[in-house]
Amino acid sequence: MALNDIQLQEIKKAGNAFLEKCRPPEEIRHELDLAFRVEKQSVFIYEIRPAWHNPDERMEKPIAKTTYVQTERYWKVYWKRADMKWHGYMPVPVVKYINEFFDLVDEDEYGCFFG
């Protein structure tokens, strides 16, 4: 089941607030930037950088993911480990509201999202 319009507006509001707070200064965004996107039931936060083999090409590196569980009415939180697989974020495996997910990534208390 797709996210509804209200949920999409909440994601956009929380995501834009996160980006306003956490994006690098404008003068270096061509070298490193942050963004988020919605795919089905999930929200991804990712870095955007020039590709190492072709600086004109951009590559995206996902750093955090949350997936909405409609039946439980919460968001499951994931981080990408060195094995390049998504793992549940054990310090806080679920959050009730999408802004709590963006806050967790911003705080990154355990260095899981930004290292």
C-alpha atoms as a PDB file:
ATOM      1  CA  MET A   1       0.000   0.000   0.000  1.00  0.00           C
ATOM      2  CA  ALA A   2       1.381   3.379  -1.011  1.00  0.00           C
ATOM      3  CA  LEU A   3       1.830   6.231   1.397  1.00  0.00           C
ATOM      4  CA  ASN A   4      -1.069   8.661   1.467  1.00  0.00           C
ATOM      5  CA  ASP A   5      -0.914  12.377   0.623  1.00  0.00           C
ATOM      6  CA  ILE A   6      -0.778  13.431   4.282  1.00  0.00           C
ATOM      7  CA  GLN A   7       2.159  11.106   4.957  1.00  0.00           C
ATOM      8  CA  LEU A   8       3.941  12.356   1.847  1.00  0.00           C
ATOM      9  CA  GLN A   9       3.504  15.967   3.014  1.00  0.00           C
ATOM     10  CA  GLU A  10       4.886  15.044   6.466  1.00  0.00           C
ATOM     11  CA  ILE A  11       7.886  13.362   4.825  1.00  0.00           C
ATOM     12  CA  LYS A  12       8.530  16.383   2.627  1.00  0.00           C
ATOM     13  CA  LYS A  13       8.293  18.784   5.574  1.00  0.00           C
ATOM     14  CA  ALA A  14      10.535  16.709   7.868  1.00  0.00           C
ATOM     15  CA  GLY A  15      12.985  15.900   5.061  1.00  0.00           C
ATOM     16  CA  ASN A  16      13.348  19.507   3.971  1.00  0.00           C
ATOM     17  CA  ALA A  17      13.914  20.601   7.593  1.00  0.00           C
ATOM     18  CA  PHE A  18      16.610  17.909   7.893  1.00  0.00           C
ATOM     19  CA  LEU A  19      18.300  19.069   4.680  1.00  0.00           C
ATOM     20  CA  GLU A  20      18.202  22.705   5.726  1.00  0.00           C
ATOM     21  CA  LYS A  21      19.985  21.783   8.946  1.00  0.00           C
ATOM     22  CA  CYS A  22      22.403  19.118   7.688  1.00  0.00           C
ATOM     23  CA  ARG A  23      23.361  19.875   4.087  1.00  0.00           C
ATOM     24  CA  PRO A  24      26.918  21.025   3.501  1.00  0.00           C
ATOM     25  CA  PRO A  25      27.522  24.694   2.666  1.00  0.00           C
ATOM     26  CA  GLU A  26      26.368  25.625  -0.822  1.00  0.00           C
ATOM     27  CA  GLU A  27      29.900  26.264  -2.090  1.00  0.00           C
ATOM     28  CA  ILE A  28      30.910  22.586  -1.626  1.00  0.00           C
ATOM     29  CA  ARG A  29      27.669  20.878  -2.668  1.00  0.00           C
ATOM     30  CA  HIS A  30      29.194  20.033  -6.028  1.00  0.00           C
ATOM     31  CA  GLU A  31      31.612  17.796  -4.071  1.00  0.00           C
ATOM     32  CA  LEU A  32      29.229  16.507  -1.378  1.00  0.00           C
ATOM     33  CA  ASP A  33      25.502  16.914  -0.909  1.00  0.00           C
ATOM     34  CA  LEU A  34      22.598  15.230   0.875  1.00  0.00           C
ATOM     35  CA  ALA A  35      19.135  14.388  -0.388  1.00  0.00           C
ATOM     36  CA  PHE A  36      16.178  12.159   0.384  1.00  0.00           C
ATOM     37  CA  ARG A  37      13.620  10.330  -1.702  1.00  0.00           C
ATOM     38  CA  VAL A  38      10.499   8.236  -1.260  1.00  0.00           C
ATOM     39  CA  GLU A  39      10.224   4.806  -2.874  1.00  0.00           C
ATOM     40  CA  LYS A  40       6.992   2.902  -2.199  1.00  0.00           C
ATOM     41  CA  GLN A  41       6.791   2.579   1.617  1.00  0.00           C
ATOM     42  CA  SER A  42      10.382   3.686   2.271  1.00  0.00           C
ATOM     43  CA  VAL A  43      12.304   6.924   2.676  1.00  0.00           C
ATOM     44  CA  PHE A  44      16.013   6.974   1.848  1.00  0.00           C
ATOM     45  CA  ILE A  45      18.618   9.557   2.844  1.00  0.00           C
ATOM     46  CA  TYR A  46      21.692   9.528   0.648  1.00  0.00           C
ATOM     47  CA  GLU A  47      24.904  11.375  -0.130  1.00  0.00           C
ATOM     48  CA  ILE A  48      25.632  12.673  -3.613  1.00  0.00           C
ATOM     49  CA  ARG A  49      29.280  12.838  -4.719  1.00  0.00           C
ATOM     50  CA  PRO A  50      31.257  12.887  -7.939  1.00  0.00           C
ATOM     51  CA  ALA A  51      32.151   9.382  -9.114  1.00  0.00           C
ATOM     52  CA  TRP A  52      35.802   8.598  -8.388  1.00  0.00           C
ATOM     53  CA  HIS A  53      36.430   7.345 -11.941  1.00  0.00           C
ATOM     54  CA  ASN A  54      34.542  10.196 -13.677  1.00  0.00           C
ATOM     55  CA  PRO A  55      34.089  13.459 -11.764  1.00  0.00           C
ATOM     56  CA  ASP A  56      31.407  14.605 -14.224  1.00  0.00           C
ATOM     57  CA  GLU A  57      29.235  11.672 -13.185  1.00  0.00           C
ATOM     58  CA  ARG A  58      27.315  11.758  -9.888  1.00  0.00           C
ATOM     59  CA  MET A  59      26.966   8.772  -7.602  1.00  0.00           C
ATOM     60  CA  GLU A  60      24.555   8.261  -4.738  1.00  0.00           C
ATOM     61  CA  LYS A  61      25.433   6.505  -1.508  1.00  0.00           C
ATOM     62  CA  PRO A  62      22.436   5.566   0.660  1.00  0.00           C
ATOM     63  CA  ILE A  63      23.105   6.172   4.345  1.00  0.00           C
ATOM     64  CA  ALA A  64      19.749   5.691   6.078  1.00  0.00           C
ATOM     65  CA  LYS A  65      16.389   4.127   5.351  1.00  0.00           C
ATOM     66  CA  THR A  66      13.034   3.925   7.047  1.00  0.00           C
ATOM     67  CA  THR A  67      10.049   1.852   5.992  1.00  0.00           C
ATOM     68  CA  TYR A  68       6.488   2.468   7.104  1.00  0.00           C
ATOM     69  CA  VAL A  69       4.663  -0.551   8.521  1.00  0.00           C
ATOM     70  CA  GLN A  70       1.009   0.292   7.947  1.00  0.00           C
ATOM     71  CA  THR A  71      -0.385  -2.468  10.181  1.00  0.00           C
ATOM     72  CA  GLU A  72       1.684  -1.311  13.159  1.00  0.00           C
ATOM     73  CA  ARG A  73       1.663   2.413  12.329  1.00  0.00           C
ATOM     74  CA  TYR A  74       5.380   2.923  12.852  1.00  0.00           C
ATOM     75  CA  TRP A  75       8.556   3.434  10.844  1.00  0.00           C
ATOM     76  CA  LYS A  76      11.305   0.767  10.936  1.00  0.00           C
ATOM     77  CA  VAL A  77      14.782   2.331  10.895  1.00  0.00           C
ATOM     78  CA  TYR A  78      17.739   0.866   8.987  1.00  0.00           C
ATOM     79  CA  TRP A  79      21.395   1.675   8.426  1.00  0.00           C
ATOM     80  CA  LYS A  80      23.786   0.309   5.810  1.00  0.00           C
ATOM     81  CA  ARG A  81      26.710  -1.630   7.219  1.00  0.00           C
ATOM     82  CA  ALA A  82      30.069  -2.331   5.590  1.00  0.00           C
ATOM     83  CA  ASP A  83      28.562  -5.469   4.006  1.00  0.00           C
ATOM     84  CA  MET A  84      26.396  -3.059   1.931  1.00  0.00           C
ATOM     85  CA  LYS A  85      23.172  -4.544   3.330  1.00  0.00           C
ATOM     86  CA  TRP A  86      20.462  -2.772   5.296  1.00  0.00           C
ATOM     87  CA  HIS A  87      20.333  -3.702   8.981  1.00  0.00           C
ATOM     88  CA  GLY A  88      17.853  -2.715  11.645  1.00  0.00           C
ATOM     89  CA  TYR A  89      19.102   0.192  13.718  1.00  0.00           C
ATOM     90  CA  MET A  90      19.148  -1.602  17.071  1.00  0.00           C
ATOM     91  CA  PRO A  91      19.510   1.430  19.349  1.00  0.00           C
ATOM     92  CA  VAL A  92      16.124   2.660  18.051  1.00  0.00           C
ATOM     93  CA  PRO A  93      14.560   0.035  15.754  1.00  0.00           C
ATOM     94  CA  VAL A  94      11.268   1.873  15.230  1.00  0.00           C
ATOM     95  CA  VAL A  95       9.897   5.402  15.501  1.00  0.00           C
ATOM     96  CA  LYS A  96       6.302   6.538  15.488  1.00  0.00           C
ATOM     97  CA  TYR A  97       6.732   9.713  13.428  1.00  0.00           C
ATOM     98  CA  ILE A  98       8.828  10.435  10.338  1.00  0.00           C
ATOM     99  CA  ASN A  99      10.487  13.493  11.895  1.00  0.00           C
ATOM    100  CA  GLU A 100      11.922  11.194  14.596  1.00  0.00           C
ATOM    101  CA  PHE A 101      13.715   9.250  11.850  1.00  0.00           C
ATOM    102  CA  PHE A 102      15.307  12.392  10.443  1.00  0.00           C
ATOM    103  CA  ASP A 103      16.267  13.450  13.996  1.00  0.00           C
ATOM    104  CA  LEU A 104      17.973  10.076  14.606  1.00  0.00           C
ATOM    105  CA  VAL A 105      20.039  10.435  11.441  1.00  0.00           C
ATOM    106  CA  ASP A 106      20.947  14.016  12.329  1.00  0.00           C
ATOM    107  CA  GLU A 107      22.075  13.078  15.842  1.00  0.00           C
ATOM    108  CA  ASP A 108      23.869   9.893  14.661  1.00  0.00           C
ATOM    109  CA  GLU A 109      24.756   9.139  18.272  1.00  0.00           C
ATOM    110  CA  TYR A 110      26.426   5.804  17.407  1.00  0.00           C
ATOM    111  CA  GLY A 111      28.150   6.867  14.167  1.00  0.00           C
ATOM    112  CA  CYS A 112      26.137   4.408  12.081  1.00  0.00           C
ATOM    113  CA  PHE A 113      24.806   6.744   9.436  1.00  0.00           C
ATOM    114  CA  PHE A 114      27.668   9.115   8.754  1.00  0.00           C
ATOM    115  CA  GLY A 115      30.445   6.991  10.264  1.00  0.00           C
END
